[in-house]
Amino acid sequence: MKLSEVYEGWRNHILPPEKLEEVIRTVSTLRLDICSTCEWHSKFHDSKRSDNHCTKCGCTLIAKTKCLSCACPLKKWTHVKMDE
């Protein structure tokens, strides 16, 4: 994951752009549903971290799923193409 993607995910979690709020919320919900059943979800592993995260890539799911330009490294979901 690139630093710009980390920034985008956390920005969209903390202070999403107003015009993208609904898209971010919808995409994140769909992605979190997929992640919640994935064998790499932290809830299925012993982890010292308290956040829900992917044990394969290490990303915190609450931010990763809100990064519209991000894709799951396991190819379970892809980036969202946005018209400029």
Foldseek 3Di string as FASTA:
>chain_A
DDPVLLVQLVCCLPPNDPVCVVVLVVQLVVVVVLLVPDCQWCVNDDDPDPATAGNVVGDRSSRNSSRQCQAPPVRSGHHHDDDD
